[in-house]
Amino acid sequence: MLSTTKLAFLVLASIFYVGAGILHFINTGFYLKIMPPYIPYHLAMVYISGAAEIAGGVGLLIPPLRRTAAWGLVALLIAVFPANLYMAMDHVQVGAAPMPPALAWGRLPLQLVFIAWVLWCTKPDSSPQNPK
């Protein structure tokens, strides 16, 4: 059983990951620009990671799949970390306006926040809630 707070953060995480996954298909160019050159099959990887984000986001809402979906999203966040690192280290510009280096570097520790978020909100509460 999840507390109301965890359930709210779970729904927000689900919306976040489904939305981010959809962006892989809508704004493919952004993700292609941040793919490190040593990663093969750039377009396929963008689509696969987008589909994985959507599946993980949906999986968060299905109680029997919830924890597995969370760990799948953790694996995905680790897998896409090289793209975020490449974007920061090589000053990859993805939009019309240049991204400040501090913002590109700031995205890196944010991955840890995202990992903690899905693991926390999918971990069952330690004590059952009082049904009163």
C-alpha atoms as a PDB file:
ATOM      1  CA  MET A   1       0.000   0.000   0.000  1.00  0.00           C
ATOM      2  CA  LEU A   2       1.230   3.483  -0.831  1.00  0.00           C
ATOM      3  CA  SER A   3       0.565   6.641   1.132  1.00  0.00           C
ATOM      4  CA  THR A   4      -1.378   9.427  -0.538  1.00  0.00           C
ATOM      5  CA  THR A   5       1.856  11.420  -0.898  1.00  0.00           C
ATOM      6  CA  LYS A   6       3.699   8.547  -2.565  1.00  0.00           C
ATOM      7  CA  LEU A   7       0.748   7.885  -4.843  1.00  0.00           C
ATOM      8  CA  ALA A   8       0.699  11.545  -5.920  1.00  0.00           C
ATOM      9  CA  PHE A   9       4.448  11.461  -6.673  1.00  0.00           C
ATOM     10  CA  LEU A  10       3.959   8.151  -8.479  1.00  0.00           C
ATOM     11  CA  VAL A  11       1.311   9.648 -10.767  1.00  0.00           C
ATOM     12  CA  LEU A  12       3.554  12.679 -11.397  1.00  0.00           C
ATOM     13  CA  ALA A  13       6.452  10.352 -12.246  1.00  0.00           C
ATOM     14  CA  SER A  14       4.234   8.407 -14.612  1.00  0.00           C
ATOM     15  CA  ILE A  15       3.126  11.569 -16.399  1.00  0.00           C
ATOM     16  CA  PHE A  16       6.741  12.791 -16.513  1.00  0.00           C
ATOM     17  CA  TYR A  17       8.104   9.577 -18.079  1.00  0.00           C
ATOM     18  CA  VAL A  18       5.256   9.079 -20.532  1.00  0.00           C
ATOM     19  CA  GLY A  19       5.594  12.721 -21.595  1.00  0.00           C
ATOM     20  CA  ALA A  20       9.369  12.465 -21.907  1.00  0.00           C
ATOM     21  CA  GLY A  21       9.001   9.275 -23.923  1.00  0.00           C
ATOM     22  CA  ILE A  22       6.537  10.897 -26.294  1.00  0.00           C
ATOM     23  CA  LEU A  23       9.015  13.743 -26.828  1.00  0.00           C
ATOM     24  CA  HIS A  24      11.486  11.205 -28.240  1.00  0.00           C
ATOM     25  CA  PHE A  25       9.047  10.708 -31.123  1.00  0.00           C
ATOM     26  CA  ILE A  26       7.917  14.331 -31.473  1.00  0.00           C
ATOM     27  CA  ASN A  27      11.283  16.086 -31.059  1.00  0.00           C
ATOM     28  CA  THR A  28      13.642  13.392 -32.300  1.00  0.00           C
ATOM     29  CA  GLY A  29      16.208  15.945 -33.477  1.00  0.00           C
ATOM     30  CA  PHE A  30      16.932  17.079 -29.918  1.00  0.00           C
ATOM     31  CA  TYR A  31      17.809  13.552 -28.823  1.00  0.00           C
ATOM     32  CA  LEU A  32      19.828  12.844 -31.956  1.00  0.00           C
ATOM     33  CA  LYS A  33      22.020  15.886 -31.269  1.00  0.00           C
ATOM     34  CA  ILE A  34      22.975  14.669 -27.797  1.00  0.00           C
ATOM     35  CA  MET A  35      23.851  11.117 -28.854  1.00  0.00           C
ATOM     36  CA  PRO A  36      27.541  10.463 -28.342  1.00  0.00           C
ATOM     37  CA  PRO A  37      29.281   9.502 -31.600  1.00  0.00           C
ATOM     38  CA  TYR A  38      30.383   6.131 -30.200  1.00  0.00           C
ATOM     39  CA  ILE A  39      26.770   4.991 -29.691  1.00  0.00           C
ATOM     40  CA  PRO A  40      25.549   3.087 -32.763  1.00  0.00           C
ATOM     41  CA  TYR A  41      22.146   3.368 -34.428  1.00  0.00           C
ATOM     42  CA  HIS A  42      21.270   6.815 -33.134  1.00  0.00           C
ATOM     43  CA  LEU A  43      17.723   6.982 -34.444  1.00  0.00           C
ATOM     44  CA  ALA A  44      16.868   3.487 -33.239  1.00  0.00           C
ATOM     45  CA  MET A  45      18.304   4.284 -29.808  1.00  0.00           C
ATOM     46  CA  VAL A  46      16.197   7.451 -29.561  1.00  0.00           C
ATOM     47  CA  TYR A  47      13.049   5.503 -30.391  1.00  0.00           C
ATOM     48  CA  ILE A  48      13.932   2.584 -28.115  1.00  0.00           C
ATOM     49  CA  SER A  49      14.663   4.871 -25.174  1.00  0.00           C
ATOM     50  CA  GLY A  50      11.450   6.801 -25.816  1.00  0.00           C
ATOM     51  CA  ALA A  51       9.401   3.605 -25.927  1.00  0.00           C
ATOM     52  CA  ALA A  52      11.121   2.410 -22.748  1.00  0.00           C
ATOM     53  CA  GLU A  53      10.230   5.659 -20.979  1.00  0.00           C
ATOM     54  CA  ILE A  54       6.608   5.333 -22.042  1.00  0.00           C
ATOM     55  CA  ALA A  55       6.474   1.680 -20.961  1.00  0.00           C
ATOM     56  CA  GLY A  56       8.116   2.503 -17.638  1.00  0.00           C
ATOM     57  CA  GLY A  57       5.761   5.406 -17.011  1.00  0.00           C
ATOM     58  CA  VAL A  58       2.715   3.259 -17.731  1.00  0.00           C
ATOM     59  CA  GLY A  59       4.174   0.390 -15.704  1.00  0.00           C
ATOM     60  CA  LEU A  60       4.382   2.643 -12.652  1.00  0.00           C
ATOM     61  CA  LEU A  61       0.580   2.766 -12.627  1.00  0.00           C
ATOM     62  CA  ILE A  62       0.115  -1.018 -12.685  1.00  0.00           C
ATOM     63  CA  PRO A  63       0.606  -2.295  -9.114  1.00  0.00           C
ATOM     64  CA  PRO A  64       2.038  -5.741  -9.976  1.00  0.00           C
ATOM     65  CA  LEU A  65       4.524  -4.111 -12.393  1.00  0.00           C
ATOM     66  CA  ARG A  66       5.239  -0.971 -10.384  1.00  0.00           C
ATOM     67  CA  ARG A  67       8.537  -1.935  -8.752  1.00  0.00           C
ATOM     68  CA  THR A  68       9.854  -3.648 -11.901  1.00  0.00           C
ATOM     69  CA  ALA A  69       8.953  -0.553 -13.926  1.00  0.00           C
ATOM     70  CA  ALA A  70      10.829   1.612 -11.418  1.00  0.00           C
ATOM     71  CA  TRP A  71      13.972  -0.516 -11.727  1.00  0.00           C
ATOM     72  CA  GLY A  72      13.597  -0.475 -15.513  1.00  0.00           C
ATOM     73  CA  LEU A  73      13.506   3.325 -15.405  1.00  0.00           C
ATOM     74  CA  VAL A  74      16.590   3.330 -13.167  1.00  0.00           C
ATOM     75  CA  ALA A  75      18.389   1.188 -15.756  1.00  0.00           C
ATOM     76  CA  LEU A  76      17.231   3.547 -18.503  1.00  0.00           C
ATOM     77  CA  LEU A  77      18.433   6.616 -16.601  1.00  0.00           C
ATOM     78  CA  ILE A  78      21.839   4.988 -16.222  1.00  0.00           C
ATOM     79  CA  ALA A  79      21.868   3.984 -19.894  1.00  0.00           C
ATOM     80  CA  VAL A  80      21.127   7.512 -21.134  1.00  0.00           C
ATOM     81  CA  PHE A  81      23.606   9.160 -18.770  1.00  0.00           C
ATOM     82  CA  PRO A  82      26.372   9.142 -21.416  1.00  0.00           C
ATOM     83  CA  ALA A  83      24.179  11.325 -23.647  1.00  0.00           C
ATOM     84  CA  ASN A  84      23.743  13.868 -20.848  1.00  0.00           C
ATOM     85  CA  LEU A  85      27.461  13.745 -20.116  1.00  0.00           C
ATOM     86  CA  TYR A  86      28.292  14.182 -23.812  1.00  0.00           C
ATOM     87  CA  MET A  87      25.961  17.174 -23.991  1.00  0.00           C
ATOM     88  CA  ALA A  88      27.727  18.825 -21.038  1.00  0.00           C
ATOM     89  CA  MET A  89      31.315  17.945 -21.946  1.00  0.00           C
ATOM     90  CA  ASP A  90      31.096  18.780 -25.649  1.00  0.00           C
ATOM     91  CA  HIS A  91      28.854  21.845 -25.194  1.00  0.00           C
ATOM     92  CA  VAL A  92      26.222  20.373 -27.496  1.00  0.00           C
ATOM     93  CA  GLN A  93      23.625  22.980 -28.381  1.00  0.00           C
ATOM     94  CA  VAL A  94      20.163  21.629 -29.022  1.00  0.00           C
ATOM     95  CA  GLY A  95      17.947  24.672 -29.232  1.00  0.00           C
ATOM     96  CA  ALA A  96      17.889  28.047 -30.913  1.00  0.00           C
ATOM     97  CA  ALA A  97      19.391  29.687 -27.813  1.00  0.00           C
ATOM     98  CA  PRO A  98      22.675  28.370 -26.408  1.00  0.00           C
ATOM     99  CA  MET A  99      22.338  26.294 -23.261  1.00  0.00           C
ATOM    100  CA  PRO A 100      24.452  27.687 -20.441  1.00  0.00           C
ATOM    101  CA  PRO A 101      27.131  25.194 -19.375  1.00  0.00           C
ATOM    102  CA  ALA A 102      25.849  25.295 -15.780  1.00  0.00           C
ATOM    103  CA  LEU A 103      22.471  24.032 -16.977  1.00  0.00           C
ATOM    104  CA  ALA A 104      24.023  21.223 -19.022  1.00  0.00           C
ATOM    105  CA  TRP A 105      26.167  20.156 -16.050  1.00  0.00           C
ATOM    106  CA  GLY A 106      23.214  20.590 -13.687  1.00  0.00           C
ATOM    107  CA  ARG A 107      21.300  17.933 -15.575  1.00  0.00           C
ATOM    108  CA  LEU A 108      23.820  15.300 -14.473  1.00  0.00           C
ATOM    109  CA  PRO A 109      23.048  15.157 -10.725  1.00  0.00           C
ATOM    110  CA  LEU A 110      19.370  15.507 -11.600  1.00  0.00           C
ATOM    111  CA  GLN A 111      19.553  11.913 -12.850  1.00  0.00           C
ATOM    112  CA  LEU A 112      20.146  10.844  -9.227  1.00  0.00           C
ATOM    113  CA  VAL A 113      17.046  12.765  -8.176  1.00  0.00           C
ATOM    114  CA  PHE A 114      15.002  10.963 -10.838  1.00  0.00           C
ATOM    115  CA  ILE A 115      16.352   7.589  -9.681  1.00  0.00           C
ATOM    116  CA  ALA A 116      15.552   8.338  -6.039  1.00  0.00           C
ATOM    117  CA  TRP A 117      12.109   9.597  -7.031  1.00  0.00           C
ATOM    118  CA  VAL A 118      10.933   6.409  -8.764  1.00  0.00           C
ATOM    119  CA  LEU A 119      12.465   4.121  -6.161  1.00  0.00           C
ATOM    120  CA  TRP A 120      10.960   6.049  -3.258  1.00  0.00           C
ATOM    121  CA  CYS A 121       7.450   6.393  -4.647  1.00  0.00           C
ATOM    122  CA  THR A 122       7.240   2.721  -5.632  1.00  0.00           C
ATOM    123  CA  LYS A 123       8.541   1.336  -2.344  1.00  0.00           C
ATOM    124  CA  PRO A 124       5.591   0.121  -0.253  1.00  0.00           C
ATOM    125  CA  ASP A 125       5.118   1.897   3.057  1.00  0.00           C
ATOM    126  CA  SER A 126       6.694   0.018   5.949  1.00  0.00           C
ATOM    127  CA  SER A 127       3.533  -0.151   8.040  1.00  0.00           C
ATOM    128  CA  PRO A 128      -0.016  -0.674   6.836  1.00  0.00           C
ATOM    129  CA  GLN A 129      -2.245   2.352   7.077  1.00  0.00           C
ATOM    130  CA  ASN A 130      -4.987   2.323   9.651  1.00  0.00           C
ATOM    131  CA  PRO A 131      -8.279   1.812   7.761  1.00  0.00           C
ATOM    132  CA  LYS A 132     -10.225   4.077  10.189  1.00  0.00           C
END
